[in-house]
N, C-alpha and C. Protein backbone atom coordinates (compact mmCIF):
# COMPACT_ATOMS: atom_id res chain seq x y z
N MET A 1 -35.54 -37.04 -0.45
CA MET A 1 -34.41 -36.96 -1.35
C MET A 1 -33.12 -36.54 -0.77
N CYS A 2 -33.19 -35.29 -0.12
CA CYS A 2 -32.06 -34.76 0.49
C CYS A 2 -31.93 -35.28 1.89
N LYS A 3 -30.62 -35.52 2.26
CA LYS A 3 -30.30 -35.97 3.56
C LYS A 3 -30.49 -34.85 4.55
N PRO A 4 -31.12 -35.05 5.77
CA PRO A 4 -31.20 -34.01 6.63
C PRO A 4 -29.81 -33.59 7.02
N THR A 5 -29.56 -32.32 7.11
CA THR A 5 -28.26 -31.93 7.50
C THR A 5 -28.11 -31.74 9.09
N LYS A 6 -26.96 -32.09 9.61
CA LYS A 6 -26.83 -32.06 10.99
C LYS A 6 -26.29 -30.53 11.31
N ASP A 7 -26.31 -30.22 12.48
CA ASP A 7 -25.74 -28.88 12.93
C ASP A 7 -24.29 -28.74 12.54
N PRO A 8 -23.87 -27.59 12.03
CA PRO A 8 -22.50 -27.58 11.64
C PRO A 8 -21.55 -27.47 12.81
N VAL A 9 -20.43 -28.12 12.69
CA VAL A 9 -19.48 -28.17 13.74
C VAL A 9 -18.23 -27.47 13.27
N PRO A 10 -17.65 -26.68 14.12
CA PRO A 10 -16.32 -26.03 13.75
C PRO A 10 -15.42 -26.99 13.13
N GLY A 11 -14.97 -26.59 11.88
CA GLY A 11 -13.88 -27.51 11.22
C GLY A 11 -14.56 -28.19 10.07
N ASP A 12 -15.92 -28.14 10.01
CA ASP A 12 -16.63 -28.83 8.89
C ASP A 12 -16.33 -28.09 7.50
N GLY A 13 -16.09 -26.83 7.66
CA GLY A 13 -15.85 -26.17 6.44
C GLY A 13 -17.02 -26.03 5.48
N ILE A 14 -16.75 -26.34 4.10
CA ILE A 14 -17.75 -26.36 3.07
C ILE A 14 -18.75 -27.43 3.17
N ARG A 15 -18.36 -28.45 3.88
CA ARG A 15 -19.34 -29.66 4.07
C ARG A 15 -20.62 -29.35 4.75
N SER A 16 -20.58 -28.32 5.51
CA SER A 16 -21.71 -27.95 6.37
C SER A 16 -22.77 -27.12 5.53
N LEU A 17 -22.33 -26.58 4.36
CA LEU A 17 -23.24 -25.68 3.59
C LEU A 17 -24.11 -26.57 2.77
N LYS A 18 -25.31 -25.97 2.32
CA LYS A 18 -26.09 -26.70 1.53
C LYS A 18 -25.60 -26.59 0.07
N SER A 19 -25.64 -27.63 -0.64
CA SER A 19 -25.09 -27.63 -2.08
C SER A 19 -25.90 -28.69 -2.93
N THR A 20 -25.82 -28.59 -4.21
CA THR A 20 -26.51 -29.41 -5.09
C THR A 20 -25.62 -30.74 -5.28
N PRO A 21 -26.42 -31.75 -5.76
CA PRO A 21 -25.57 -33.04 -6.05
C PRO A 21 -24.64 -32.77 -7.19
N LEU A 22 -24.92 -31.96 -8.10
CA LEU A 22 -23.96 -31.70 -9.22
C LEU A 22 -22.77 -30.94 -8.61
N PHE A 23 -22.85 -29.96 -7.77
CA PHE A 23 -21.65 -29.34 -7.19
C PHE A 23 -20.87 -30.35 -6.45
N ARG A 24 -21.52 -31.27 -5.66
CA ARG A 24 -20.79 -32.28 -4.95
C ARG A 24 -20.02 -33.17 -5.82
N ALA A 25 -20.74 -33.63 -7.02
CA ALA A 25 -20.09 -34.57 -7.93
C ALA A 25 -18.84 -33.94 -8.67
N ILE A 26 -18.92 -32.61 -8.95
CA ILE A 26 -17.79 -31.88 -9.67
C ILE A 26 -16.74 -31.70 -8.72
N ASN A 27 -16.96 -31.27 -7.44
CA ASN A 27 -15.95 -30.91 -6.46
C ASN A 27 -15.94 -31.99 -5.37
N TYR A 28 -15.71 -33.21 -5.74
CA TYR A 28 -15.78 -34.23 -4.65
C TYR A 28 -14.69 -34.23 -3.72
N GLU A 29 -13.54 -33.58 -4.01
CA GLU A 29 -12.51 -33.39 -3.08
C GLU A 29 -12.81 -32.67 -1.79
N LEU A 30 -13.76 -31.83 -1.93
CA LEU A 30 -14.26 -30.99 -0.85
C LEU A 30 -14.97 -31.76 0.12
N TYR A 31 -15.51 -32.93 -0.26
CA TYR A 31 -16.47 -33.65 0.62
C TYR A 31 -15.88 -35.04 1.05
N ILE A 32 -14.72 -35.41 0.55
CA ILE A 32 -14.27 -36.74 1.06
C ILE A 32 -13.09 -36.40 2.11
N LYS A 33 -12.79 -37.48 2.91
CA LYS A 33 -11.81 -37.32 3.87
C LYS A 33 -10.35 -37.50 3.12
N PRO A 34 -9.45 -36.87 3.59
CA PRO A 34 -8.11 -37.07 2.87
C PRO A 34 -7.71 -38.41 3.04
N ASN A 35 -7.02 -38.99 2.11
CA ASN A 35 -6.33 -40.27 2.21
C ASN A 35 -4.89 -40.20 2.30
N LYS A 36 -4.34 -40.45 3.47
CA LYS A 36 -2.94 -40.07 3.59
C LYS A 36 -1.96 -41.13 2.87
N VAL A 37 -2.37 -42.33 2.65
CA VAL A 37 -1.72 -43.25 1.93
C VAL A 37 -1.54 -42.78 0.51
N ILE A 38 -2.67 -42.32 -0.14
CA ILE A 38 -2.53 -41.85 -1.55
C ILE A 38 -1.72 -40.64 -1.61
N MET A 39 -1.99 -39.65 -0.59
CA MET A 39 -1.10 -38.45 -0.60
C MET A 39 0.31 -38.80 -0.52
N ALA A 40 0.74 -39.78 0.26
CA ALA A 40 2.12 -40.10 0.40
C ALA A 40 2.77 -40.68 -0.87
N ILE A 41 1.99 -41.59 -1.50
CA ILE A 41 2.32 -42.14 -2.80
C ILE A 41 2.51 -41.03 -3.81
N GLY A 42 1.61 -40.10 -3.85
CA GLY A 42 1.67 -38.97 -4.80
C GLY A 42 2.86 -38.15 -4.48
N ALA A 43 3.20 -37.83 -3.27
CA ALA A 43 4.30 -36.94 -2.92
C ALA A 43 5.56 -37.74 -3.32
N VAL A 44 5.73 -38.99 -3.08
CA VAL A 44 6.96 -39.76 -3.53
C VAL A 44 6.99 -39.66 -5.01
N ALA A 45 5.98 -39.92 -5.72
CA ALA A 45 5.99 -39.96 -7.19
C ALA A 45 6.48 -38.54 -7.80
N ILE A 46 5.91 -37.53 -7.24
CA ILE A 46 6.25 -36.21 -7.80
C ILE A 46 7.77 -35.86 -7.34
N THR A 47 8.13 -36.21 -6.11
CA THR A 47 9.56 -36.06 -5.72
C THR A 47 10.51 -36.86 -6.66
N GLY A 48 10.04 -38.10 -6.87
CA GLY A 48 10.93 -38.98 -7.75
C GLY A 48 10.95 -38.43 -9.05
N CYS A 49 9.92 -37.95 -9.69
CA CYS A 49 10.07 -37.41 -11.03
C CYS A 49 10.94 -36.19 -11.17
N ALA A 50 10.81 -35.27 -10.21
CA ALA A 50 11.63 -34.09 -10.08
C ALA A 50 13.21 -34.43 -9.89
N GLY A 51 13.33 -35.40 -9.05
CA GLY A 51 14.64 -35.81 -8.71
C GLY A 51 15.30 -36.44 -10.04
N TYR A 52 14.56 -37.11 -10.81
CA TYR A 52 15.03 -37.85 -12.00
C TYR A 52 15.41 -36.72 -13.01
N ILE A 53 14.61 -35.72 -13.14
CA ILE A 53 14.84 -34.66 -14.12
C ILE A 53 16.14 -33.90 -13.66
N LEU A 54 16.27 -33.58 -12.37
CA LEU A 54 17.47 -32.86 -12.00
C LEU A 54 18.60 -33.73 -12.12
N PHE A 55 18.62 -35.04 -11.93
CA PHE A 55 19.61 -35.95 -12.07
C PHE A 55 20.21 -35.99 -13.54
N MET A 56 19.12 -36.09 -14.41
CA MET A 56 19.56 -36.22 -15.91
C MET A 56 20.14 -34.84 -16.31
N ARG A 57 19.64 -33.73 -15.82
CA ARG A 57 20.20 -32.51 -16.13
C ARG A 57 21.66 -32.31 -15.68
N ALA A 58 21.88 -32.71 -14.48
CA ALA A 58 23.34 -32.72 -13.91
C ALA A 58 24.19 -33.69 -14.68
N LYS A 59 23.68 -34.87 -15.12
CA LYS A 59 24.36 -35.76 -15.79
C LYS A 59 24.99 -35.20 -17.11
N TYR A 60 24.03 -34.58 -17.79
CA TYR A 60 24.34 -33.95 -19.11
C TYR A 60 25.37 -32.77 -18.91
N GLU A 61 25.17 -32.03 -17.91
CA GLU A 61 26.13 -30.87 -17.65
C GLU A 61 27.51 -31.39 -17.34
N SER A 62 27.59 -32.49 -16.47
CA SER A 62 28.85 -33.09 -16.13
C SER A 62 29.57 -33.66 -17.33
N MET A 63 28.76 -34.06 -18.30
CA MET A 63 29.36 -34.71 -19.51
C MET A 63 29.82 -33.54 -20.46
N GLY A 64 29.51 -32.32 -20.23
CA GLY A 64 29.96 -31.30 -20.98
C GLY A 64 29.00 -30.79 -22.00
N PHE A 65 27.69 -31.07 -21.77
CA PHE A 65 26.68 -30.61 -22.68
C PHE A 65 26.04 -29.33 -22.10
N TYR A 66 25.55 -28.48 -23.00
CA TYR A 66 24.69 -27.37 -22.56
C TYR A 66 23.50 -27.22 -23.47
N THR A 67 22.52 -26.49 -23.10
CA THR A 67 21.32 -26.19 -23.80
C THR A 67 21.53 -25.00 -24.73
N ALA A 68 21.39 -25.41 -26.03
CA ALA A 68 21.57 -24.33 -27.00
C ALA A 68 20.14 -24.13 -27.65
N VAL A 69 19.82 -22.90 -27.99
CA VAL A 69 18.67 -22.49 -28.75
C VAL A 69 19.01 -22.27 -30.22
N ASP A 70 18.33 -22.91 -31.08
CA ASP A 70 18.55 -22.87 -32.51
C ASP A 70 17.85 -21.68 -33.03
N SER A 71 18.09 -21.40 -34.31
CA SER A 71 17.52 -20.23 -34.88
C SER A 71 15.96 -20.37 -35.01
N ASP A 72 15.46 -21.62 -35.11
CA ASP A 72 13.99 -21.79 -35.26
C ASP A 72 13.34 -21.91 -33.89
N GLY A 73 14.16 -21.74 -32.78
CA GLY A 73 13.53 -21.71 -31.42
C GLY A 73 13.60 -22.92 -30.65
N SER A 74 13.98 -24.00 -31.25
CA SER A 74 14.01 -25.32 -30.57
C SER A 74 15.29 -25.43 -29.77
N GLU A 75 15.21 -26.12 -28.68
CA GLU A 75 16.30 -26.25 -27.70
C GLU A 75 16.91 -27.69 -27.96
N ARG A 76 18.28 -27.72 -27.94
CA ARG A 76 18.95 -28.98 -28.01
C ARG A 76 20.19 -28.93 -27.01
N PHE A 77 20.52 -30.11 -26.63
CA PHE A 77 21.92 -30.29 -25.85
C PHE A 77 22.97 -30.45 -26.87
N ARG A 78 24.01 -29.63 -26.74
CA ARG A 78 25.13 -29.68 -27.55
C ARG A 78 26.36 -29.74 -26.66
N LYS A 79 27.40 -30.45 -27.30
CA LYS A 79 28.59 -30.64 -26.55
C LYS A 79 29.41 -29.33 -26.60
N LYS A 80 30.06 -28.97 -25.45
CA LYS A 80 30.77 -27.82 -25.35
C LYS A 80 32.04 -27.99 -26.10
N VAL A 81 32.34 -27.08 -26.97
CA VAL A 81 33.64 -27.00 -27.74
C VAL A 81 34.46 -25.85 -27.54
N SER A 82 35.64 -26.06 -27.12
CA SER A 82 36.47 -24.97 -26.75
C SER A 82 37.19 -24.48 -27.93
N LYS A 83 37.21 -23.15 -28.30
CA LYS A 83 37.89 -22.67 -29.41
C LYS A 83 39.41 -22.50 -29.14
N TRP A 84 39.92 -22.61 -27.86
CA TRP A 84 41.25 -22.40 -27.41
C TRP A 84 42.04 -23.68 -27.66
N THR A 85 41.48 -24.88 -27.61
CA THR A 85 42.19 -26.14 -27.80
C THR A 85 42.24 -26.69 -29.21
N GLU A 86 41.78 -25.95 -30.23
CA GLU A 86 41.77 -26.44 -31.59
C GLU A 86 43.28 -26.43 -32.18
């Protein structure tokens, strides 16, 4: 049933320890080789999302909006109104 384990080599980490198939199924990230293509796609996606959020926030702030908290606790973007120019 179990595969014979080979002698541990430095750098094997947790792969060299005995474990149950359930542990391996739940924590499969510990036993597979890293896929650099998928990691690169994920890093680009996260960076793109963060960049888009920062861009939209800067866009609203440059248009004269600010984040206001209402009495019920919700946040809204409101246009800045100067009381000096009325």
